[in-house]
Amino acid sequence: MLLPREHLKAMLRRAVEACGRRQEQAENWELAAHTYEHGIALDLLAEPLYRRLMVCQTRQDQKAQAIETYRRCRQALSVVLGIAPAAETEALRRSLD
């Protein structure tokens, strides 16, 4: 039962990311951010969605929110999986300084 659930979760994550990226391409940062937030609510471990959300927040001059999003990501990964964010996520966080 777990395998089909994980497969569906991955499909949903890809659909959310594709929808968000279309909004980003249209420079609709607020709607893209909203899309990523919903995706994260459905899958707290979807690190790529956190990154995309951080980009959208940065584009909206919401640096503090982007840093908070990074912290949420780091916390979720640490508590649930016992891992740190990926190098790509860390680099994005450092770029906010």
PDB file of N, CA and C in Angstrom:
ATOM      1  N   MET A   1       0.815  -1.193   0.000  1.00  0.00           N
ATOM      2  CA  MET A   1       0.000   0.000   0.000  1.00  0.00           C
ATOM      3  C   MET A   1       0.863   1.264   0.000  1.00  0.00           C
ATOM      4  N   LEU A   2       2.014   1.178   0.616  1.00  0.00           N
ATOM      5  CA  LEU A   2       2.875   2.353   0.704  1.00  0.00           C
ATOM      6  C   LEU A   2       3.395   2.784  -0.658  1.00  0.00           C
ATOM      7  N   LEU A   3       3.739   1.848  -1.507  1.00  0.00           N
ATOM      8  CA  LEU A   3       4.286   2.183  -2.816  1.00  0.00           C
ATOM      9  C   LEU A   3       3.303   2.997  -3.660  1.00  0.00           C
ATOM     10  N   PRO A   4       2.047   2.597  -3.794  1.00  0.00           N
ATOM     11  CA  PRO A   4       1.106   3.427  -4.564  1.00  0.00           C
ATOM     12  C   PRO A   4       0.930   4.821  -3.965  1.00  0.00           C
ATOM     13  N   ARG A   5       0.918   4.908  -2.649  1.00  0.00           N
ATOM     14  CA  ARG A   5       0.774   6.207  -1.989  1.00  0.00           C
ATOM     15  C   ARG A   5       1.954   7.118  -2.319  1.00  0.00           C
ATOM     16  N   GLU A   6       3.162   6.573  -2.250  1.00  0.00           N
ATOM     17  CA  GLU A   6       4.355   7.360  -2.568  1.00  0.00           C
ATOM     18  C   GLU A   6       4.363   7.767  -4.036  1.00  0.00           C
ATOM     19  N   HIS A   7       3.897   6.879  -4.890  1.00  0.00           N
ATOM     20  CA  HIS A   7       3.811   7.195  -6.320  1.00  0.00           C
ATOM     21  C   HIS A   7       2.847   8.356  -6.554  1.00  0.00           C
ATOM     22  N   LEU A   8       1.698   8.312  -5.915  1.00  0.00           N
ATOM     23  CA  LEU A   8       0.722   9.397  -6.053  1.00  0.00           C
ATOM     24  C   LEU A   8       1.259  10.708  -5.480  1.00  0.00           C
ATOM     25  N   LYS A   9       1.958  10.613  -4.367  1.00  0.00           N
ATOM     26  CA  LYS A   9       2.545  11.809  -3.760  1.00  0.00           C
ATOM     27  C   LYS A   9       3.566  12.444  -4.701  1.00  0.00           C
ATOM     28  N   ALA A  10       4.377  11.624  -5.344  1.00  0.00           N
ATOM     29  CA  ALA A  10       5.372  12.130  -6.291  1.00  0.00           C
ATOM     30  C   ALA A  10       4.697  12.769  -7.500  1.00  0.00           C
ATOM     31  N   MET A  11       3.631  12.157  -7.970  1.00  0.00           N
ATOM     32  CA  MET A  11       2.889  12.730  -9.101  1.00  0.00           C
ATOM     33  C   MET A  11       2.293  14.087  -8.720  1.00  0.00           C
ATOM     34  N   LEU A  12       1.739  14.178  -7.539  1.00  0.00           N
ATOM     35  CA  LEU A  12       1.161  15.436  -7.076  1.00  0.00           C
ATOM     36  C   LEU A  12       2.238  16.505  -6.949  1.00  0.00           C
ATOM     37  N   ARG A  13       3.377  16.134  -6.395  1.00  0.00           N
ATOM     38  CA  ARG A  13       4.480  17.084  -6.228  1.00  0.00           C
ATOM     39  C   ARG A  13       4.937  17.621  -7.588  1.00  0.00           C
ATOM     40  N   ARG A  14       5.044  16.736  -8.576  1.00  0.00           N
ATOM     41  CA  ARG A  14       5.447  17.179  -9.918  1.00  0.00           C
ATOM     42  C   ARG A  14       4.392  18.097 -10.534  1.00  0.00           C
ATOM     43  N   ALA A  15       3.123  17.792 -10.316  1.00  0.00           N
ATOM     44  CA  ALA A  15       2.048  18.630 -10.855  1.00  0.00           C
ATOM     45  C   ALA A  15       2.055  20.006 -10.204  1.00  0.00           C
ATOM     46  N   VAL A  16       2.252  20.060  -8.901  1.00  0.00           N
ATOM     47  CA  VAL A  16       2.316  21.334  -8.190  1.00  0.00           C
ATOM     48  C   VAL A  16       3.504  22.146  -8.691  1.00  0.00           C
ATOM     49  N   GLU A  17       4.641  21.491  -8.839  1.00  0.00           N
ATOM     50  CA  GLU A  17       5.833  22.200  -9.309  1.00  0.00           C
ATOM     51  C   GLU A  17       5.636  22.737 -10.724  1.00  0.00           C
ATOM     52  N   ALA A  18       5.029  21.948 -11.600  1.00  0.00           N
ATOM     53  CA  ALA A  18       4.786  22.393 -12.975  1.00  0.00           C
ATOM     54  C   ALA A  18       3.829  23.584 -12.997  1.00  0.00           C
ATOM     55  N   CYS A  19       2.786  23.524 -12.195  1.00  0.00           N
ATOM     56  CA  CYS A  19       1.831  24.631 -12.129  1.00  0.00           C
ATOM     57  C   CYS A  19       2.507  25.896 -11.592  1.00  0.00           C
ATOM     58  N   GLY A  20       3.280  25.735 -10.535  1.00  0.00           N
ATOM     59  CA  GLY A  20       3.997  26.872  -9.969  1.00  0.00           C
ATOM     60  C   GLY A  20       4.992  27.478 -10.938  1.00  0.00           C
ATOM     61  N   ARG A  21       5.699  26.645 -11.652  1.00  0.00           N
ATOM     62  CA  ARG A  21       6.686  27.151 -12.621  1.00  0.00           C
ATOM     63  C   ARG A  21       6.012  27.905 -13.763  1.00  0.00           C
ATOM     64  N   ARG A  22       4.822  27.453 -14.171  1.00  0.00           N
ATOM     65  CA  ARG A  22       4.090  28.205 -15.199  1.00  0.00           C
ATOM     66  C   ARG A  22       3.744  29.600 -14.676  1.00  0.00           C
ATOM     67  N   GLN A  23       3.365  29.678 -13.430  1.00  0.00           N
ATOM     68  CA  GLN A  23       3.059  30.983 -12.837  1.00  0.00           C
ATOM     69  C   GLN A  23       4.334  31.830 -12.722  1.00  0.00           C
ATOM     70  N   GLU A  24       5.432  31.208 -12.393  1.00  0.00           N
ATOM     71  CA  GLU A  24       6.700  31.936 -12.333  1.00  0.00           C
ATOM     72  C   GLU A  24       7.071  32.490 -13.707  1.00  0.00           C
ATOM     73  N   GLN A  25       6.908  31.675 -14.739  1.00  0.00           N
ATOM     74  CA  GLN A  25       7.233  32.136 -16.091  1.00  0.00           C
ATOM     75  C   GLN A  25       6.388  33.341 -16.481  1.00  0.00           C
ATOM     76  N   ALA A  26       5.169  33.395 -15.963  1.00  0.00           N
ATOM     77  CA  ALA A  26       4.286  34.538 -16.219  1.00  0.00           C
ATOM     78  C   ALA A  26       4.563  35.679 -15.233  1.00  0.00           C
ATOM     79  N   GLU A  27       5.575  35.486 -14.384  1.00  0.00           N
ATOM     80  CA  GLU A  27       5.952  36.442 -13.339  1.00  0.00           C
ATOM     81  C   GLU A  27       4.803  36.735 -12.386  1.00  0.00           C
ATOM     82  N   ASN A  28       3.980  35.736 -12.171  1.00  0.00           N
ATOM     83  CA  ASN A  28       2.901  35.830 -11.201  1.00  0.00           C
ATOM     84  C   ASN A  28       3.408  35.195  -9.908  1.00  0.00           C
ATOM     85  N   TRP A  29       4.304  35.914  -9.245  1.00  0.00           N
ATOM     86  CA  TRP A  29       5.028  35.387  -8.089  1.00  0.00           C
ATOM     87  C   TRP A  29       4.101  35.031  -6.938  1.00  0.00           C
ATOM     88  N   GLU A  30       3.088  35.856  -6.716  1.00  0.00           N
ATOM     89  CA  GLU A  30       2.178  35.604  -5.595  1.00  0.00           C
ATOM     90  C   GLU A  30       1.407  34.294  -5.792  1.00  0.00           C
ATOM     91  N   LEU A  31       0.871  34.078  -6.990  1.00  0.00           N
ATOM     92  CA  LEU A  31       0.127  32.850  -7.251  1.00  0.00           C
ATOM     93  C   LEU A  31       1.056  31.638  -7.234  1.00  0.00           C
ATOM     94  N   ALA A  32       2.251  31.798  -7.758  1.00  0.00           N
ATOM     95  CA  ALA A  32       3.214  30.695  -7.723  1.00  0.00           C
ATOM     96  C   ALA A  32       3.537  30.338  -6.272  1.00  0.00           C
ATOM     97  N   ALA A  33       3.776  31.345  -5.441  1.00  0.00           N
ATOM     98  CA  ALA A  33       4.071  31.100  -4.028  1.00  0.00           C
ATOM     99  C   ALA A  33       2.902  30.388  -3.358  1.00  0.00           C
ATOM    100  N   HIS A  34       1.705  30.829  -3.646  1.00  0.00           N
ATOM    101  CA  HIS A  34       0.499  30.208  -3.085  1.00  0.00           C
ATOM    102  C   HIS A  34       0.428  28.734  -3.503  1.00  0.00           C
ATOM    103  N   THR A  35       0.733  28.451  -4.741  1.00  0.00           N
ATOM    104  CA  THR A  35       0.726  27.075  -5.254  1.00  0.00           C
ATOM    105  C   THR A  35       1.740  26.223  -4.501  1.00  0.00           C
ATOM    106  N   TYR A  36       2.951  26.747  -4.334  1.00  0.00           N
ATOM    107  CA  TYR A  36       3.987  25.995  -3.622  1.00  0.00           C
ATOM    108  C   TYR A  36       3.610  25.783  -2.158  1.00  0.00           C
ATOM    109  N   GLU A  37       3.006  26.776  -1.530  1.00  0.00           N
ATOM    110  CA  GLU A  37       2.565  26.630  -0.137  1.00  0.00           C
ATOM    111  C   GLU A  37       1.577  25.474  -0.005  1.00  0.00           C
ATOM    112  N   HIS A  38       0.644  25.395  -0.947  1.00  0.00           N
ATOM    113  CA  HIS A  38      -0.324  24.296  -0.913  1.00  0.00           C
ATOM    114  C   HIS A  38       0.370  22.945  -1.104  1.00  0.00           C
ATOM    115  N   GLY A  39       1.339  22.910  -1.997  1.00  0.00           N
ATOM    116  CA  GLY A  39       2.084  21.671  -2.207  1.00  0.00           C
ATOM    117  C   GLY A  39       2.840  21.240  -0.968  1.00  0.00           C
ATOM    118  N   ILE A  40       3.446  22.193  -0.290  1.00  0.00           N
ATOM    119  CA  ILE A  40       4.187  21.899   0.940  1.00  0.00           C
ATOM    120  C   ILE A  40       3.229  21.412   2.026  1.00  0.00           C
ATOM    121  N   ALA A  41       2.037  21.986   2.078  1.00  0.00           N
ATOM    122  CA  ALA A  41       1.050  21.542   3.065  1.00  0.00           C
ATOM    123  C   ALA A  41       0.679  20.076   2.850  1.00  0.00           C
ATOM    124  N   LEU A  42       0.727  19.629   1.605  1.00  0.00           N
ATOM    125  CA  LEU A  42       0.399  18.243   1.291  1.00  0.00           C
ATOM    126  C   LEU A  42       1.589  17.302   1.466  1.00  0.00           C
ATOM    127  N   ASP A  43       2.796  17.844   1.354  1.00  0.00           N
ATOM    128  CA  ASP A  43       4.007  17.030   1.476  1.00  0.00           C
ATOM    129  C   ASP A  43       5.097  17.868   2.132  1.00  0.00           C
ATOM    130  N   LEU A  44       5.187  17.773   3.446  1.00  0.00           N
ATOM    131  CA  LEU A  44       6.135  18.592   4.200  1.00  0.00           C
ATOM    132  C   LEU A  44       7.592  18.335   3.851  1.00  0.00           C
ATOM    133  N   LEU A  45       7.875  17.245   3.150  1.00  0.00           N
ATOM    134  CA  LEU A  45       9.257  16.904   2.814  1.00  0.00           C
ATOM    135  C   LEU A  45       9.616  17.217   1.372  1.00  0.00           C
ATOM    136  N   ALA A  46       8.779  17.955   0.675  1.00  0.00           N
ATOM    137  CA  ALA A  46       8.999  18.286  -0.743  1.00  0.00           C
ATOM    138  C   ALA A  46       9.985  19.448  -0.847  1.00  0.00           C
ATOM    139  N   GLU A  47      11.240  19.163  -0.632  1.00  0.00           N
ATOM    140  CA  GLU A  47      12.285  20.192  -0.612  1.00  0.00           C
ATOM    141  C   GLU A  47      12.313  21.062  -1.864  1.00  0.00           C
ATOM    142  N   PRO A  48      12.130  20.515  -3.070  1.00  0.00           N
ATOM    143  CA  PRO A  48      12.118  21.396  -4.249  1.00  0.00           C
ATOM    144  C   PRO A  48      11.024  22.463  -4.191  1.00  0.00           C
ATOM    145  N   LEU A  49       9.897  22.152  -3.559  1.00  0.00           N
ATOM    146  CA  LEU A  49       8.829  23.151  -3.441  1.00  0.00           C
ATOM    147  C   LEU A  49       9.229  24.276  -2.488  1.00  0.00           C
ATOM    148  N   TYR A  50       9.936  23.935  -1.436  1.00  0.00           N
ATOM    149  CA  TYR A  50      10.451  24.974  -0.532  1.00  0.00           C
ATOM    150  C   TYR A  50      11.384  25.912  -1.295  1.00  0.00           C
ATOM    151  N   ARG A  51      12.256  25.328  -2.112  1.00  0.00           N
ATOM    152  CA  ARG A  51      13.187  26.171  -2.875  1.00  0.00           C
ATOM    153  C   ARG A  51      12.440  27.110  -3.811  1.00  0.00           C
ATOM    154  N   ARG A  52      11.476  26.575  -4.535  1.00  0.00           N
ATOM    155  CA  ARG A  52      10.713  27.410  -5.474  1.00  0.00           C
ATOM    156  C   ARG A  52       9.968  28.505  -4.703  1.00  0.00           C
ATOM    157  N   LEU A  53       9.427  28.159  -3.539  1.00  0.00           N
ATOM    158  CA  LEU A  53       8.739  29.155  -2.714  1.00  0.00           C
ATOM    159  C   LEU A  53       9.716  30.243  -2.282  1.00  0.00           C
ATOM    160  N   MET A  54      10.912  29.862  -1.897  1.00  0.00           N
ATOM    161  CA  MET A  54      11.914  30.852  -1.506  1.00  0.00           C
ATOM    162  C   MET A  54      12.236  31.794  -2.657  1.00  0.00           C
ATOM    163  N   VAL A  55      12.332  31.269  -3.866  1.00  0.00           N
ATOM    164  CA  VAL A  55      12.593  32.104  -5.038  1.00  0.00           C
ATOM    165  C   VAL A  55      11.453  33.100  -5.225  1.00  0.00           C
ATOM    166  N   CYS A  56      10.219  32.618  -5.143  1.00  0.00           N
ATOM    167  CA  CYS A  56       9.057  33.509  -5.319  1.00  0.00           C
ATOM    168  C   CYS A  56       9.033  34.595  -4.250  1.00  0.00           C
ATOM    169  N   GLN A  57       9.311  34.213  -3.029  1.00  0.00           N
ATOM    170  CA  GLN A  57       9.324  35.200  -1.953  1.00  0.00           C
ATOM    171  C   GLN A  57      10.415  36.233  -2.174  1.00  0.00           C
ATOM    172  N   THR A  58      11.562  35.797  -2.644  1.00  0.00           N
ATOM    173  CA  THR A  58      12.655  36.726  -2.938  1.00  0.00           C
ATOM    174  C   THR A  58      12.245  37.690  -4.046  1.00  0.00           C
ATOM    175  N   ARG A  59      11.592  37.180  -5.081  1.00  0.00           N
ATOM    176  CA  ARG A  59      11.136  38.029  -6.192  1.00  0.00           C
ATOM    177  C   ARG A  59      10.101  39.052  -5.745  1.00  0.00           C
ATOM    178  N   GLN A  60       9.419  38.771  -4.630  1.00  0.00           N
ATOM    179  CA  GLN A  60       8.426  39.700  -4.091  1.00  0.00           C
ATOM    180  C   GLN A  60       9.026  40.578  -2.987  1.00  0.00           C
ATOM    181  N   ASP A  61      10.351  40.586  -2.892  1.00  0.00           N
ATOM    182  CA  ASP A  61      11.056  41.346  -1.848  1.00  0.00           C
ATOM    183  C   ASP A  61      10.610  40.933  -0.445  1.00  0.00           C
ATOM    184  N   GLN A  62      10.442  39.643  -0.253  1.00  0.00           N
ATOM    185  CA  GLN A  62      10.048  39.092   1.043  1.00  0.00           C
ATOM    186  C   GLN A  62      11.181  38.223   1.586  1.00  0.00           C
ATOM    187  N   LYS A  63      12.323  38.852   1.794  1.00  0.00           N
ATOM    188  CA  LYS A  63      13.517  38.128   2.218  1.00  0.00           C
ATOM    189  C   LYS A  63      13.301  37.408   3.554  1.00  0.00           C
ATOM    190  N   ALA A  64      12.655  38.072   4.498  1.00  0.00           N
ATOM    191  CA  ALA A  64      12.424  37.454   5.809  1.00  0.00           C
ATOM    192  C   ALA A  64      11.555  36.204   5.682  1.00  0.00           C
ATOM    193  N   GLN A  65      10.553  36.264   4.824  1.00  0.00           N
ATOM    194  CA  GLN A  65       9.692  35.100   4.616  1.00  0.00           C
ATOM    195  C   GLN A  65      10.467  33.969   3.946  1.00  0.00           C
ATOM    196  N   ALA A  66      11.360  34.316   3.015  1.00  0.00           N
ATOM    197  CA  ALA A  66      12.175  33.300   2.346  1.00  0.00           C
ATOM    198  C   ALA A  66      13.092  32.594   3.354  1.00  0.00           C
ATOM    199  N   ILE A  67      13.655  33.348   4.274  1.00  0.00           N
ATOM    200  CA  ILE A  67      14.501  32.753   5.310  1.00  0.00           C
ATOM    201  C   ILE A  67      13.662  31.865   6.221  1.00  0.00           C
ATOM    202  N   GLU A  68      12.464  32.300   6.555  1.00  0.00           N
ATOM    203  CA  GLU A  68      11.569  31.479   7.379  1.00  0.00           C
ATOM    204  C   GLU A  68      11.174  30.195   6.640  1.00  0.00           C
ATOM    205  N   THR A  69      10.964  30.280   5.344  1.00  0.00           N
ATOM    206  CA  THR A  69      10.657  29.088   4.551  1.00  0.00           C
ATOM    207  C   THR A  69      11.820  28.114   4.602  1.00  0.00           C
ATOM    208  N   TYR A  70      13.037  28.624   4.492  1.00  0.00           N
ATOM    209  CA  TYR A  70      14.221  27.773   4.618  1.00  0.00           C
ATOM    210  C   TYR A  70      14.224  27.073   5.979  1.00  0.00           C
ATOM    211  N   ARG A  71      13.941  27.820   7.034  1.00  0.00           N
ATOM    212  CA  ARG A  71      13.932  27.240   8.383  1.00  0.00           C
ATOM    213  C   ARG A  71      12.883  26.139   8.516  1.00  0.00           C
ATOM    214  N   ARG A  72      11.707  26.367   7.931  1.00  0.00           N
ATOM    215  CA  ARG A  72      10.657  25.348   7.949  1.00  0.00           C
ATOM    216  C   ARG A  72      11.128  24.079   7.240  1.00  0.00           C
ATOM    217  N   CYS A  73      11.773  24.268   6.112  1.00  0.00           N
ATOM    218  CA  CYS A  73      12.297  23.139   5.338  1.00  0.00           C
ATOM    219  C   CYS A  73      13.340  22.382   6.155  1.00  0.00           C
ATOM    220  N   ARG A  74      14.288  23.109   6.693  1.00  0.00           N
ATOM    221  CA  ARG A  74      15.361  22.489   7.482  1.00  0.00           C
ATOM    222  C   ARG A  74      14.788  21.720   8.669  1.00  0.00           C
ATOM    223  N   GLN A  75      13.807  22.301   9.336  1.00  0.00           N
ATOM    224  CA  GLN A  75      13.181  21.663  10.495  1.00  0.00           C
ATOM    225  C   GLN A  75      12.467  20.373  10.089  1.00  0.00           C
ATOM    226  N   ALA A  76      11.683  20.436   9.027  1.00  0.00           N
ATOM    227  CA  ALA A  76      10.941  19.254   8.582  1.00  0.00           C
ATOM    228  C   ALA A  76      11.895  18.120   8.206  1.00  0.00           C
ATOM    229  N   LEU A  77      12.924  18.439   7.443  1.00  0.00           N
ATOM    230  CA  LEU A  77      13.878  17.414   7.019  1.00  0.00           C
ATOM    231  C   LEU A  77      14.627  16.822   8.212  1.00  0.00           C
ATOM    232  N   SER A  78      14.989  17.681   9.150  1.00  0.00           N
ATOM    233  CA  SER A  78      15.734  17.234  10.318  1.00  0.00           C
ATOM    234  C   SER A  78      14.892  16.335  11.217  1.00  0.00           C
ATOM    235  N   VAL A  79      13.682  16.762  11.520  1.00  0.00           N
ATOM    236  CA  VAL A  79      12.833  16.020  12.449  1.00  0.00           C
ATOM    237  C   VAL A  79      12.373  14.690  11.850  1.00  0.00           C
ATOM    238  N   VAL A  80      11.919  14.718  10.606  1.00  0.00           N
ATOM    239  CA  VAL A  80      11.334  13.520  10.010  1.00  0.00           C
ATOM    240  C   VAL A  80      12.385  12.556   9.462  1.00  0.00           C
ATOM    241  N   LEU A  81      13.374  13.098   8.768  1.00  0.00           N
ATOM    242  CA  LEU A  81      14.349  12.234   8.094  1.00  0.00           C
ATOM    243  C   LEU A  81      15.734  12.239   8.731  1.00  0.00           C
ATOM    244  N   GLY A  82      15.987  13.202   9.603  1.00  0.00           N
ATOM    245  CA  GLY A  82      17.305  13.292  10.226  1.00  0.00           C
ATOM    246  C   GLY A  82      18.391  13.727   9.267  1.00  0.00           C
ATOM    247  N   ILE A  83      18.005  14.543   8.278  1.00  0.00           N
ATOM    248  CA  ILE A  83      18.978  15.015   7.288  1.00  0.00           C
ATOM    249  C   ILE A  83      18.941  16.534   7.196  1.00  0.00           C
ATOM    250  N   ALA A  84      19.997  17.088   6.619  1.00  0.00           N
ATOM    251  CA  ALA A  84      20.068  18.525   6.362  1.00  0.00           C
ATOM    252  C   ALA A  84      19.531  18.799   4.953  1.00  0.00           C
ATOM    253  N   PRO A  85      19.172  20.039   4.674  1.00  0.00           N
ATOM    254  CA  PRO A  85      18.744  20.386   3.309  1.00  0.00           C
ATOM    255  C   PRO A  85      19.856  20.132   2.293  1.00  0.00           C
ATOM    256  N   ALA A  86      19.455  19.950   1.055  1.00  0.00           N
ATOM    257  CA  ALA A  86      20.396  19.714  -0.038  1.00  0.00           C
ATOM    258  C   ALA A  86      21.291  20.935  -0.250  1.00  0.00           C
ATOM    259  N   ALA A  87      22.403  20.706  -0.896  1.00  0.00           N
ATOM    260  CA  ALA A  87      23.355  21.785  -1.175  1.00  0.00           C
ATOM    261  C   ALA A  87      22.685  22.918  -1.946  1.00  0.00           C
ATOM    262  N   GLU A  88      21.803  22.585  -2.860  1.00  0.00           N
ATOM    263  CA  GLU A  88      21.097  23.605  -3.638  1.00  0.00           C
ATOM    264  C   GLU A  88      20.247  24.509  -2.738  1.00  0.00           C
ATOM    265  N   THR A  89      19.602  23.920  -1.752  1.00  0.00           N
ATOM    266  CA  THR A  89      18.784  24.689  -0.817  1.00  0.00           C
ATOM    267  C   THR A  89      19.677  25.565   0.056  1.00  0.00           C
ATOM    268  N   GLU A  90      20.785  25.003   0.510  1.00  0.00           N
ATOM    269  CA  GLU A  90      21.730  25.769   1.330  1.00  0.00           C
ATOM    270  C   GLU A  90      22.304  26.954   0.547  1.00  0.00           C
ATOM    271  N   ALA A  91      22.610  26.732  -0.720  1.00  0.00           N
ATOM    272  CA  ALA A  91      23.155  27.810  -1.548  1.00  0.00           C
ATOM    273  C   ALA A  91      22.120  28.916  -1.730  1.00  0.00           C
ATOM    274  N   LEU A  92      20.881  28.539  -1.935  1.00  0.00           N
ATOM    275  CA  LEU A  92      19.822  29.536  -2.065  1.00  0.00           C
ATOM    276  C   LEU A  92      19.688  30.338  -0.772  1.00  0.00           C
ATOM    277  N   ARG A  93      19.773  29.667   0.367  1.00  0.00           N
ATOM    278  CA  ARG A  93      19.692  30.367   1.659  1.00  0.00           C
ATOM    279  C   ARG A  93      20.852  31.352   1.807  1.00  0.00           C
ATOM    280  N   ARG A  94      22.051  30.919   1.457  1.00  0.00           N
ATOM    281  CA  ARG A  94      23.217  31.812   1.567  1.00  0.00           C
ATOM    282  C   ARG A  94      23.081  33.018   0.652  1.00  0.00           C
ATOM    283  N   SER A  95      22.433  32.858  -0.474  1.00  0.00           N
ATOM    284  CA  SER A  95      22.269  33.971  -1.411  1.00  0.00           C
ATOM    285  C   SER A  95      21.363  35.060  -0.844  1.00  0.00           C
ATOM    286  N   LEU A  96      20.622  34.737   0.200  1.00  0.00           N
ATOM    287  CA  LEU A  96      19.721  35.722   0.805  1.00  0.00           C
ATOM    288  C   LEU A  96      20.452  36.662   1.760  1.00  0.00           C
ATOM    289  N   ASP A  97      21.691  36.330   2.132  1.00  0.00           N
ATOM    290  CA  ASP A  97      22.449  37.179   3.055  1.00  0.00           C
ATOM    291  C   ASP A  97      22.945  38.429   2.378  1.00  0.00           C
TER     292      ASP A  97
END
